[in-house]
Amino acid sequence: MTEPYLYNGQSPDDHVASCPDCGAAIALLDRPGAAAEPPPALREAVLSMARRRRDPAVTGVASVTVPYAEQVALMDDLLRELSEPQWDAPIAKHGTIRGLVAHLAANDATVAHFMGVPGMGAAPVHRRWREQAGALLERVSAGSEVLLGVEVALAGARPARAPLRQALIQRTFETWTHADDIRAATDRDRAAPRDVHVHMIAEFGLALLPRAMKGPRRDVSVTMVLTGPGGGTWTIPLSPASDRVAVLISAQAVDFCRLLANRWPPDAFPYAAEGDPALARDVIHTAATLGCD
């Protein structure tokens, strides 16, 4: 991250030249041989400077901004690695990687505008997306936990509203999904989020299921058991009158998140079910409609 706001408007090189603390830290990195112990005062100096710039985010805010910040950083690194021809690599639904990043920026803008982030004008698409995502993270991180409960519009073909907390999880989810799209288009290996972030994404998608199910509401519940990293067990009532579990579905957690993004055809999705097989199929097919494309 080299945004000017990190260096009071200076370039990174000018900042390092004028900052003894950063100069000392870089000198440590440049020393040959075994890693050296940093000066005892360095950690507190860095933290003190960070606290003067901005108070730390409260725990509830950090729980949704940290996953999003991590996926933004990973996407940013990935885009920086692309050659110019790779920006025009074909991507389903969005034409090229360039078109996909423009789509991601447009979906991020729904939440960014709510947080008062101004439009990024006609900047190149990578810069436009990155600066908007960085500004969104700054605004949310500086806010209170109460703000996370305010309803905003979610991205996607199905109109839906949810608390800002859920919208930020969706931003994490979509950024990861599209980073994997780019990895696939450029012959790179896919990468799963951290286990706790996988769990958060799965929970987000499962909460949308009841409203997304087509046909009359069934007065039953579905138990979903997701295995592997980020897994867990959830029971989802399909209506307020749900009084029994009609089916238990088990699947791998990361695979299920990819199903939610419609990156796994529902007819080929591997799962096991006990109970109502027709309801299980409906749940799997509905889950595949909850992505942001």
C-alpha atoms as a PDB file:
ATOM      1  CA  MET A   1       0.000   0.000   0.000  1.00  0.00           C
ATOM      2  CA  THR A   2       1.625   3.257  -1.121  1.00  0.00           C
ATOM      3  CA  GLU A   3      -1.265   5.708  -0.904  1.00  0.00           C
ATOM      4  CA  PRO A   4      -0.042   9.275  -0.149  1.00  0.00           C
ATOM      5  CA  TYR A   5      -2.237   9.544   2.971  1.00  0.00           C
ATOM      6  CA  LEU A   6       0.048   7.023   4.667  1.00  0.00           C
ATOM      7  CA  TYR A   7       2.996   9.414   4.353  1.00  0.00           C
ATOM      8  CA  ASN A   8       1.428  12.871   4.888  1.00  0.00           C
ATOM      9  CA  GLY A   9       1.534  13.511   1.133  1.00  0.00           C
ATOM     10  CA  GLN A  10       5.186  12.530   0.721  1.00  0.00           C
ATOM     11  CA  SER A  11       6.461   9.819  -1.554  1.00  0.00           C
ATOM     12  CA  PRO A  12       7.512   6.663   0.333  1.00  0.00           C
ATOM     13  CA  ASP A  13      11.220   7.346  -0.381  1.00  0.00           C
ATOM     14  CA  ASP A  14      11.010  10.941   0.854  1.00  0.00           C
ATOM     15  CA  HIS A  15       9.190   9.803   3.983  1.00  0.00           C
ATOM     16  CA  VAL A  16      11.816   7.174   4.798  1.00  0.00           C
ATOM     17  CA  ALA A  17      14.604   9.722   4.258  1.00  0.00           C
ATOM     18  CA  SER A  18      13.031  12.081   6.812  1.00  0.00           C
ATOM     19  CA  CYS A  19      11.784   9.514   9.366  1.00  0.00           C
ATOM     20  CA  PRO A  20      14.383   8.026  11.739  1.00  0.00           C
ATOM     21  CA  ASP A  21      12.052   5.254  12.909  1.00  0.00           C
ATOM     22  CA  CYS A  22      11.266   3.990   9.396  1.00  0.00           C
ATOM     23  CA  GLY A  23      14.902   4.400   8.382  1.00  0.00           C
ATOM     24  CA  ALA A  24      15.991   2.252  11.329  1.00  0.00           C
ATOM     25  CA  ALA A  25      13.422  -0.414  10.457  1.00  0.00           C
ATOM     26  CA  ILE A  26      14.576  -0.588   6.829  1.00  0.00           C
ATOM     27  CA  ALA A  27      18.204  -0.719   7.914  1.00  0.00           C
ATOM     28  CA  LEU A  28      17.343  -3.825   9.919  1.00  0.00           C
ATOM     29  CA  LEU A  29      15.825  -5.459   6.848  1.00  0.00           C
ATOM     30  CA  ASP A  30      18.879  -4.607   4.748  1.00  0.00           C
ATOM     31  CA  ARG A  31      21.387  -6.164   7.136  1.00  0.00           C
ATOM     32  CA  PRO A  32      22.949  -9.391   5.808  1.00  0.00           C
ATOM     33  CA  GLY A  33      23.011 -12.629   7.772  1.00  0.00           C
ATOM     34  CA  ALA A  34      20.735 -13.705  10.581  1.00  0.00           C
ATOM     35  CA  ALA A  35      17.697 -11.658  11.530  1.00  0.00           C
ATOM     36  CA  ALA A  36      18.491  -9.028  14.137  1.00  0.00           C
ATOM     37  CA  GLU A  37      16.418  -8.049  17.134  1.00  0.00           C
ATOM     38  CA  PRO A  38      14.735  -4.683  16.513  1.00  0.00           C
ATOM     39  CA  PRO A  39      15.542  -1.849  18.922  1.00  0.00           C
ATOM     40  CA  PRO A  40      13.356  -2.149  22.050  1.00  0.00           C
ATOM     41  CA  ALA A  41      11.724   1.241  21.450  1.00  0.00           C
ATOM     42  CA  LEU A  42      10.809   0.614  17.790  1.00  0.00           C
ATOM     43  CA  ARG A  43       7.526  -1.235  18.391  1.00  0.00           C
ATOM     44  CA  GLU A  44       6.152   1.391  20.763  1.00  0.00           C
ATOM     45  CA  ALA A  45       7.293   4.217  18.458  1.00  0.00           C
ATOM     46  CA  VAL A  46       5.426   2.682  15.517  1.00  0.00           C
ATOM     47  CA  LEU A  47       2.287   2.017  17.573  1.00  0.00           C
ATOM     48  CA  SER A  48       2.384   5.488  19.083  1.00  0.00           C
ATOM     49  CA  MET A  49       2.579   7.101  15.654  1.00  0.00           C
ATOM     50  CA  ALA A  50      -0.297   4.914  14.405  1.00  0.00           C
ATOM     51  CA  ARG A  51      -2.463   5.861  17.388  1.00  0.00           C
ATOM     52  CA  ARG A  52      -1.825   9.559  16.768  1.00  0.00           C
ATOM     53  CA  ARG A  53      -3.033   9.135  13.178  1.00  0.00           C
ATOM     54  CA  ARG A  54      -6.203   7.241  14.098  1.00  0.00           C
ATOM     55  CA  ASP A  55      -7.692   5.409  17.068  1.00  0.00           C
ATOM     56  CA  PRO A  56      -7.745   1.618  16.687  1.00  0.00           C
ATOM     57  CA  ALA A  57     -10.992   0.187  15.310  1.00  0.00           C
ATOM     58  CA  VAL A  58     -13.294  -1.264  17.935  1.00  0.00           C
ATOM     59  CA  THR A  59     -13.445  -5.047  18.051  1.00  0.00           C
ATOM     60  CA  GLY A  60     -16.829  -5.356  16.331  1.00  0.00           C
ATOM     61  CA  VAL A  61     -15.750  -3.099  13.480  1.00  0.00           C
ATOM     62  CA  ALA A  62     -12.427  -4.887  13.061  1.00  0.00           C
ATOM     63  CA  SER A  63     -14.195  -8.245  12.810  1.00  0.00           C
ATOM     64  CA  VAL A  64     -15.592  -7.236   9.396  1.00  0.00           C
ATOM     65  CA  THR A  65     -12.989  -4.733   8.166  1.00  0.00           C
ATOM     66  CA  VAL A  66      -9.956  -6.980   8.687  1.00  0.00           C
ATOM     67  CA  PRO A  67     -11.246  -9.790   6.388  1.00  0.00           C
ATOM     68  CA  TYR A  68     -12.159  -7.243   3.718  1.00  0.00           C
ATOM     69  CA  ALA A  69      -8.815  -5.426   4.047  1.00  0.00           C
ATOM     70  CA  GLU A  70      -6.996  -8.724   3.660  1.00  0.00           C
ATOM     71  CA  GLN A  71      -8.831  -9.638   0.451  1.00  0.00           C
ATOM     72  CA  VAL A  72      -8.348  -6.122  -0.930  1.00  0.00           C
ATOM     73  CA  ALA A  73      -4.591  -6.392  -0.294  1.00  0.00           C
ATOM     74  CA  LEU A  74      -4.428  -9.816  -1.944  1.00  0.00           C
ATOM     75  CA  MET A  75      -6.386  -8.586  -4.970  1.00  0.00           C
ATOM     76  CA  ASP A  76      -4.194  -5.496  -5.212  1.00  0.00           C
ATOM     77  CA  ASP A  77      -1.030  -7.627  -5.191  1.00  0.00           C
ATOM     78  CA  LEU A  78      -2.523  -9.907  -7.839  1.00  0.00           C
ATOM     79  CA  LEU A  79      -3.455  -7.023 -10.134  1.00  0.00           C
ATOM     80  CA  ARG A  80       0.028  -5.517  -9.794  1.00  0.00           C
ATOM     81  CA  GLU A  81       1.491  -8.804 -11.053  1.00  0.00           C
ATOM     82  CA  LEU A  82      -0.564  -8.812 -14.261  1.00  0.00           C
ATOM     83  CA  SER A  83       1.121  -8.073 -17.560  1.00  0.00           C
ATOM     84  CA  GLU A  84      -0.655  -5.670 -19.904  1.00  0.00           C
ATOM     85  CA  PRO A  85      -1.888  -8.495 -22.175  1.00  0.00           C
ATOM     86  CA  GLN A  86      -3.291 -10.344 -19.132  1.00  0.00           C
ATOM     87  CA  TRP A  87      -5.647  -7.450 -18.396  1.00  0.00           C
ATOM     88  CA  ASP A  88      -7.442  -8.461 -21.596  1.00  0.00           C
ATOM     89  CA  ALA A  89      -7.638 -12.165 -20.681  1.00  0.00           C
ATOM     90  CA  PRO A  90     -11.219 -13.425 -21.169  1.00  0.00           C
ATOM     91  CA  ILE A  91     -13.485 -13.680 -18.123  1.00  0.00           C
ATOM     92  CA  ALA A  92     -16.999 -15.135 -18.228  1.00  0.00           C
ATOM     93  CA  LYS A  93     -19.801 -12.563 -17.786  1.00  0.00           C
ATOM     94  CA  HIS A  94     -17.441  -9.582 -17.614  1.00  0.00           C
ATOM     95  CA  GLY A  95     -15.531  -9.906 -20.881  1.00  0.00           C
ATOM     96  CA  THR A  96     -11.997  -9.376 -19.624  1.00  0.00           C
ATOM     97  CA  ILE A  97     -10.124  -8.982 -16.356  1.00  0.00           C
ATOM     98  CA  ARG A  98     -10.368  -5.226 -16.875  1.00  0.00           C
ATOM     99  CA  GLY A  99     -14.148  -5.529 -17.143  1.00  0.00           C
ATOM    100  CA  LEU A 100     -14.301  -7.718 -14.048  1.00  0.00           C
ATOM    101  CA  VAL A 101     -12.398  -5.154 -11.945  1.00  0.00           C
ATOM    102  CA  ALA A 102     -14.738  -2.421 -13.204  1.00  0.00           C
ATOM    103  CA  HIS A 103     -17.689  -4.607 -12.155  1.00  0.00           C
ATOM    104  CA  LEU A 104     -16.155  -5.118  -8.695  1.00  0.00           C
ATOM    105  CA  ALA A 105     -15.603  -1.377  -8.293  1.00  0.00           C
ATOM    106  CA  ALA A 106     -19.238  -0.713  -9.270  1.00  0.00           C
ATOM    107  CA  ASN A 107     -20.523  -3.200  -6.687  1.00  0.00           C
ATOM    108  CA  ASP A 108     -18.222  -1.775  -4.006  1.00  0.00           C
ATOM    109  CA  ALA A 109     -19.567   1.687  -4.841  1.00  0.00           C
ATOM    110  CA  THR A 110     -22.979   0.803  -3.369  1.00  0.00           C
ATOM    111  CA  VAL A 111     -21.462   0.635   0.106  1.00  0.00           C
ATOM    112  CA  ALA A 112     -18.788   3.271  -0.554  1.00  0.00           C
ATOM    113  CA  HIS A 113     -21.384   5.895  -1.488  1.00  0.00           C
ATOM    114  CA  PHE A 114     -23.371   5.086   1.661  1.00  0.00           C
ATOM    115  CA  MET A 115     -20.195   5.815   3.656  1.00  0.00           C
ATOM    116  CA  GLY A 116     -19.703   9.137   1.849  1.00  0.00           C
ATOM    117  CA  VAL A 117     -16.781   8.030  -0.303  1.00  0.00           C
ATOM    118  CA  PRO A 118     -16.692  10.269  -3.401  1.00  0.00           C
ATOM    119  CA  GLY A 119     -16.558   8.822  -6.899  1.00  0.00           C
ATOM    120  CA  MET A 120     -13.093   8.089  -8.265  1.00  0.00           C
ATOM    121  CA  GLY A 121     -13.637   9.734 -11.659  1.00  0.00           C
ATOM    122  CA  ALA A 122     -11.948   8.448 -14.783  1.00  0.00           C
ATOM    123  CA  ALA A 123      -8.819   6.989 -13.176  1.00  0.00           C
ATOM    124  CA  PRO A 124      -7.501   3.667 -14.559  1.00  0.00           C
ATOM    125  CA  VAL A 125      -9.682   0.825 -13.351  1.00  0.00           C
ATOM    126  CA  HIS A 126      -7.119  -0.714 -10.981  1.00  0.00           C
ATOM    127  CA  ARG A 127      -6.460   2.608  -9.299  1.00  0.00           C
ATOM    128  CA  ARG A 128     -10.165   3.505  -9.215  1.00  0.00           C
ATOM    129  CA  TRP A 129     -11.075   0.215  -7.518  1.00  0.00           C
ATOM    130  CA  ARG A 130      -8.134   0.317  -5.075  1.00  0.00           C
ATOM    131  CA  GLU A 131      -8.592   3.912  -3.957  1.00  0.00           C
ATOM    132  CA  GLN A 132     -12.324   3.423  -3.464  1.00  0.00           C
ATOM    133  CA  ALA A 133     -11.785   0.240  -1.420  1.00  0.00           C
ATOM    134  CA  GLY A 134      -9.107   1.951   0.680  1.00  0.00           C
ATOM    135  CA  ALA A 135     -11.339   4.965   1.353  1.00  0.00           C
ATOM    136  CA  LEU A 136     -14.247   2.683   2.282  1.00  0.00           C
ATOM    137  CA  LEU A 137     -12.065   0.790   4.760  1.00  0.00           C
ATOM    138  CA  GLU A 138     -10.861   4.058   6.301  1.00  0.00           C
ATOM    139  CA  ARG A 139     -14.396   5.398   6.764  1.00  0.00           C
ATOM    140  CA  VAL A 140     -15.760   2.188   8.306  1.00  0.00           C
ATOM    141  CA  SER A 141     -12.713   1.650  10.537  1.00  0.00           C
ATOM    142  CA  ALA A 142     -13.088   5.170  11.934  1.00  0.00           C
ATOM    143  CA  GLY A 143     -16.805   4.654  12.686  1.00  0.00           C
ATOM    144  CA  SER A 144     -18.640   3.129  15.613  1.00  0.00           C
ATOM    145  CA  GLU A 145     -20.031  -0.355  15.945  1.00  0.00           C
ATOM    146  CA  VAL A 146     -23.560   1.108  15.914  1.00  0.00           C
ATOM    147  CA  LEU A 147     -23.059   2.026  12.250  1.00  0.00           C
ATOM    148  CA  LEU A 148     -22.679  -1.654  11.365  1.00  0.00           C
ATOM    149  CA  GLY A 149     -26.372  -2.189  12.119  1.00  0.00           C
ATOM    150  CA  VAL A 150     -27.625   0.367   9.581  1.00  0.00           C
ATOM    151  CA  GLU A 151     -29.277  -1.264   6.554  1.00  0.00           C
ATOM    152  CA  VAL A 152     -27.747  -0.795   3.106  1.00  0.00           C
ATOM    153  CA  ALA A 153     -28.333  -2.324  -0.333  1.00  0.00           C
ATOM    154  CA  LEU A 154     -26.493  -5.535  -1.143  1.00  0.00           C
ATOM    155  CA  ALA A 155     -24.930  -6.147  -4.546  1.00  0.00           C
ATOM    156  CA  GLY A 156     -26.412  -8.794  -6.821  1.00  0.00           C
ATOM    157  CA  ALA A 157     -29.233  -9.584  -9.209  1.00  0.00           C
ATOM    158  CA  ARG A 158     -31.705 -10.121  -6.362  1.00  0.00           C
ATOM    159  CA  PRO A 159     -32.655  -6.807  -4.672  1.00  0.00           C
ATOM    160  CA  ALA A 160     -31.917  -7.141  -0.968  1.00  0.00           C
ATOM    161  CA  ARG A 161     -30.982  -5.000   1.989  1.00  0.00           C
ATOM    162  CA  ALA A 162     -28.964  -5.997   5.035  1.00  0.00           C
ATOM    163  CA  PRO A 163     -26.985  -4.353   7.825  1.00  0.00           C
ATOM    164  CA  LEU A 164     -23.670  -2.756   6.857  1.00  0.00           C
ATOM    165  CA  ARG A 165     -21.940  -5.574   8.766  1.00  0.00           C
ATOM    166  CA  GLN A 166     -23.339  -8.084   6.256  1.00  0.00           C
ATOM    167  CA  ALA A 167     -22.571  -5.840   3.297  1.00  0.00           C
ATOM    168  CA  LEU A 168     -18.897  -5.761   4.297  1.00  0.00           C
ATOM    169  CA  ILE A 169     -18.841  -9.554   4.516  1.00  0.00           C
ATOM    170  CA  GLN A 170     -20.313  -9.587   1.011  1.00  0.00           C
ATOM    171  CA  ARG A 171     -17.499  -7.246  -0.129  1.00  0.00           C
ATOM    172  CA  THR A 172     -14.985  -9.718   1.318  1.00  0.00           C
ATOM    173  CA  PHE A 173     -16.761 -12.593  -0.403  1.00  0.00           C
ATOM    174  CA  GLU A 174     -16.951 -10.931  -3.812  1.00  0.00           C
ATOM    175  CA  THR A 175     -13.365  -9.651  -3.738  1.00  0.00           C
ATOM    176  CA  TRP A 176     -12.082 -13.162  -2.967  1.00  0.00           C
ATOM    177  CA  THR A 177     -14.326 -14.718  -5.639  1.00  0.00           C
ATOM    178  CA  HIS A 178     -13.125 -12.359  -8.355  1.00  0.00           C
ATOM    179  CA  ALA A 179      -9.494 -12.722  -7.296  1.00  0.00           C
ATOM    180  CA  ASP A 180      -9.933 -16.468  -7.821  1.00  0.00           C
ATOM    181  CA  ASP A 181     -11.532 -15.735 -11.221  1.00  0.00           C
ATOM    182  CA  ILE A 182      -8.402 -13.795 -12.179  1.00  0.00           C
ATOM    183  CA  ARG A 183      -6.134 -16.542 -10.868  1.00  0.00           C
ATOM    184  CA  ALA A 184      -7.971 -19.087 -12.995  1.00  0.00           C
ATOM    185  CA  ALA A 185      -7.835 -16.856 -16.085  1.00  0.00           C
ATOM    186  CA  THR A 186      -4.072 -16.406 -15.719  1.00  0.00           C
ATOM    187  CA  ASP A 187      -3.150 -20.016 -14.839  1.00  0.00           C
ATOM    188  CA  ARG A 188      -2.564 -19.324 -11.141  1.00  0.00           C
ATOM    189  CA  ASP A 189      -3.709 -21.572  -8.286  1.00  0.00           C
ATOM    190  CA  ARG A 190      -6.903 -20.682  -6.470  1.00  0.00           C
ATOM    191  CA  ALA A 191      -6.579 -19.531  -2.845  1.00  0.00           C
ATOM    192  CA  ALA A 192      -9.092 -19.888  -0.003  1.00  0.00           C
ATOM    193  CA  PRO A 193      -9.572 -17.200   2.667  1.00  0.00           C
ATOM    194  CA  ARG A 194      -8.598 -17.801   6.283  1.00  0.00           C
ATOM    195  CA  ASP A 195     -10.731 -20.422   8.042  1.00  0.00           C
ATOM    196  CA  VAL A 196     -12.568 -17.875  10.194  1.00  0.00           C
ATOM    197  CA  HIS A 197     -13.349 -15.816   7.091  1.00  0.00           C
ATOM    198  CA  VAL A 198     -14.677 -18.894   5.253  1.00  0.00           C
ATOM    199  CA  HIS A 199     -16.997 -19.493   8.230  1.00  0.00           C
ATOM    200  CA  MET A 200     -18.188 -15.875   8.073  1.00  0.00           C
ATOM    201  CA  ILE A 201     -18.903 -16.055   4.318  1.00  0.00           C
ATOM    202  CA  ALA A 202     -20.811 -19.345   4.662  1.00  0.00           C
ATOM    203  CA  GLU A 203     -22.918 -17.897   7.480  1.00  0.00           C
ATOM    204  CA  PHE A 204     -23.647 -14.796   5.399  1.00  0.00           C
ATOM    205  CA  GLY A 205     -24.899 -16.901   2.473  1.00  0.00           C
ATOM    206  CA  LEU A 206     -26.990 -19.223   4.636  1.00  0.00           C
ATOM    207  CA  ALA A 207     -28.763 -16.233   6.193  1.00  0.00           C
ATOM    208  CA  LEU A 208     -29.971 -15.215   2.712  1.00  0.00           C
ATOM    209  CA  LEU A 209     -31.428 -18.632   1.869  1.00  0.00           C
ATOM    210  CA  PRO A 210     -34.977 -18.313   3.307  1.00  0.00           C
ATOM    211  CA  ARG A 211     -35.768 -15.140   1.333  1.00  0.00           C
ATOM    212  CA  ALA A 212     -34.233 -16.557  -1.845  1.00  0.00           C
ATOM    213  CA  MET A 213     -36.109 -19.879  -1.900  1.00  0.00           C
ATOM    214  CA  LYS A 214     -38.746 -19.911  -4.653  1.00  0.00           C
ATOM    215  CA  GLY A 215     -42.302 -21.157  -4.266  1.00  0.00           C
ATOM    216  CA  PRO A 216     -44.449 -21.199  -1.119  1.00  0.00           C
ATOM    217  CA  ARG A 217     -42.642 -20.986   2.201  1.00  0.00           C
ATOM    218  CA  ARG A 218     -42.166 -24.410   3.771  1.00  0.00           C
ATOM    219  CA  ASP A 219     -42.828 -24.620   7.498  1.00  0.00           C
ATOM    220  CA  VAL A 220     -39.628 -26.585   8.065  1.00  0.00           C
ATOM    221  CA  SER A 221     -35.952 -25.990   8.783  1.00  0.00           C
ATOM    222  CA  VAL A 222     -32.760 -27.120   7.056  1.00  0.00           C
ATOM    223  CA  THR A 223     -29.625 -28.140   8.947  1.00  0.00           C
ATOM    224  CA  MET A 224     -26.403 -27.474   7.074  1.00  0.00           C
ATOM    225  CA  VAL A 225     -23.191 -29.185   8.200  1.00  0.00           C
ATOM    226  CA  LEU A 226     -20.118 -27.737   6.503  1.00  0.00           C
ATOM    227  CA  THR A 227     -16.897 -29.660   7.015  1.00  0.00           C
ATOM    228  CA  GLY A 228     -13.212 -28.823   6.741  1.00  0.00           C
ATOM    229  CA  PRO A 229     -11.542 -25.450   7.335  1.00  0.00           C
ATOM    230  CA  GLY A 230     -14.084 -22.780   8.235  1.00  0.00           C
ATOM    231  CA  GLY A 231     -16.889 -25.295   8.712  1.00  0.00           C
ATOM    232  CA  GLY A 232     -19.699 -25.428  11.236  1.00  0.00           C
ATOM    233  CA  THR A 233     -23.328 -26.421  11.728  1.00  0.00           C
ATOM    234  CA  TRP A 234     -26.320 -24.153  11.144  1.00  0.00           C
ATOM    235  CA  THR A 235     -30.068 -24.772  11.319  1.00  0.00           C
ATOM    236  CA  ILE A 236     -31.984 -22.404   9.034  1.00  0.00           C
ATOM    237  CA  PRO A 237     -35.757 -21.933   9.482  1.00  0.00           C
ATOM    238  CA  LEU A 238     -37.416 -21.507   6.084  1.00  0.00           C
ATOM    239  CA  SER A 239     -40.383 -19.732   7.650  1.00  0.00           C
ATOM    240  CA  PRO A 240     -41.259 -18.246  11.039  1.00  0.00           C
ATOM    241  CA  ALA A 241     -43.484 -21.274  11.661  1.00  0.00           C
ATOM    242  CA  SER A 242     -40.699 -23.822  11.106  1.00  0.00           C
ATOM    243  CA  ASP A 243     -41.081 -26.533  13.723  1.00  0.00           C
ATOM    244  CA  ARG A 244     -38.975 -29.436  12.428  1.00  0.00           C
ATOM    245  CA  VAL A 245     -35.812 -30.153  10.467  1.00  0.00           C
ATOM    246  CA  ALA A 246     -36.795 -31.679   7.132  1.00  0.00           C
ATOM    247  CA  VAL A 247     -33.320 -32.306   5.737  1.00  0.00           C
ATOM    248  CA  LEU A 248     -29.692 -32.378   6.856  1.00  0.00           C
ATOM    249  CA  ILE A 249     -27.171 -31.417   4.179  1.00  0.00           C
ATOM    250  CA  SER A 250     -23.423 -31.844   4.503  1.00  0.00           C
ATOM    251  CA  ALA A 251     -20.718 -30.441   2.222  1.00  0.00           C
ATOM    252  CA  GLN A 252     -17.211 -29.039   2.339  1.00  0.00           C
ATOM    253  CA  ALA A 253     -17.129 -25.416   3.585  1.00  0.00           C
ATOM    254  CA  VAL A 254     -14.869 -23.783   0.954  1.00  0.00           C
ATOM    255  CA  ASP A 255     -16.687 -25.681  -1.811  1.00  0.00           C
ATOM    256  CA  PHE A 256     -19.997 -24.373  -0.467  1.00  0.00           C
ATOM    257  CA  CYS A 257     -18.710 -20.790  -0.546  1.00  0.00           C
ATOM    258  CA  ARG A 258     -17.766 -21.314  -4.189  1.00  0.00           C
ATOM    259  CA  LEU A 259     -21.264 -22.684  -4.800  1.00  0.00           C
ATOM    260  CA  LEU A 260     -22.680 -19.490  -3.242  1.00  0.00           C
ATOM    261  CA  ALA A 261     -20.647 -17.517  -5.803  1.00  0.00           C
ATOM    262  CA  ASN A 262     -22.055 -19.735  -8.606  1.00  0.00           C
ATOM    263  CA  ARG A 263     -18.529 -20.946  -9.321  1.00  0.00           C
ATOM    264  CA  TRP A 264     -19.666 -24.562  -8.921  1.00  0.00           C
ATOM    265  CA  PRO A 265     -22.568 -25.828 -11.070  1.00  0.00           C
ATOM    266  CA  PRO A 266     -25.288 -26.910  -8.620  1.00  0.00           C
ATOM    267  CA  ASP A 267     -26.058 -30.121 -10.553  1.00  0.00           C
ATOM    268  CA  ALA A 268     -22.425 -31.198 -10.101  1.00  0.00           C
ATOM    269  CA  PHE A 269     -21.960 -29.952  -6.535  1.00  0.00           C
ATOM    270  CA  PRO A 270     -20.837 -32.725  -4.121  1.00  0.00           C
ATOM    271  CA  TYR A 271     -23.036 -32.984  -1.040  1.00  0.00           C
ATOM    272  CA  ALA A 272     -24.801 -35.586   1.076  1.00  0.00           C
ATOM    273  CA  ALA A 273     -28.361 -35.289   2.355  1.00  0.00           C
ATOM    274  CA  GLU A 274     -30.530 -37.077   4.903  1.00  0.00           C
ATOM    275  CA  GLY A 275     -34.259 -36.423   4.744  1.00  0.00           C
ATOM    276  CA  ASP A 276     -36.214 -34.683   1.973  1.00  0.00           C
ATOM    277  CA  PRO A 277     -34.102 -35.052  -1.234  1.00  0.00           C
ATOM    278  CA  ALA A 278     -36.219 -32.572  -3.230  1.00  0.00           C
ATOM    279  CA  LEU A 279     -35.761 -29.909  -0.571  1.00  0.00           C
ATOM    280  CA  ALA A 280     -32.013 -30.597  -0.493  1.00  0.00           C
ATOM    281  CA  ARG A 281     -31.821 -30.023  -4.264  1.00  0.00           C
ATOM    282  CA  ASP A 282     -33.807 -26.795  -3.922  1.00  0.00           C
ATOM    283  CA  VAL A 283     -31.426 -25.539  -1.231  1.00  0.00           C
ATOM    284  CA  ILE A 284     -28.335 -26.329  -3.319  1.00  0.00           C
ATOM    285  CA  HIS A 285     -29.780 -24.716  -6.449  1.00  0.00           C
ATOM    286  CA  THR A 286     -30.919 -21.642  -4.502  1.00  0.00           C
ATOM    287  CA  ALA A 287     -27.514 -21.268  -2.857  1.00  0.00           C
ATOM    288  CA  ALA A 288     -25.941 -21.024  -6.319  1.00  0.00           C
ATOM    289  CA  THR A 289     -28.040 -17.906  -7.078  1.00  0.00           C
ATOM    290  CA  LEU A 290     -26.711 -15.792  -4.205  1.00  0.00           C
ATOM    291  CA  GLY A 291     -23.517 -14.445  -5.817  1.00  0.00           C
ATOM    292  CA  CYS A 292     -22.862 -10.886  -6.965  1.00  0.00           C
ATOM    293  CA  ASP A 293     -22.526 -11.297 -10.762  1.00  0.00           C
END
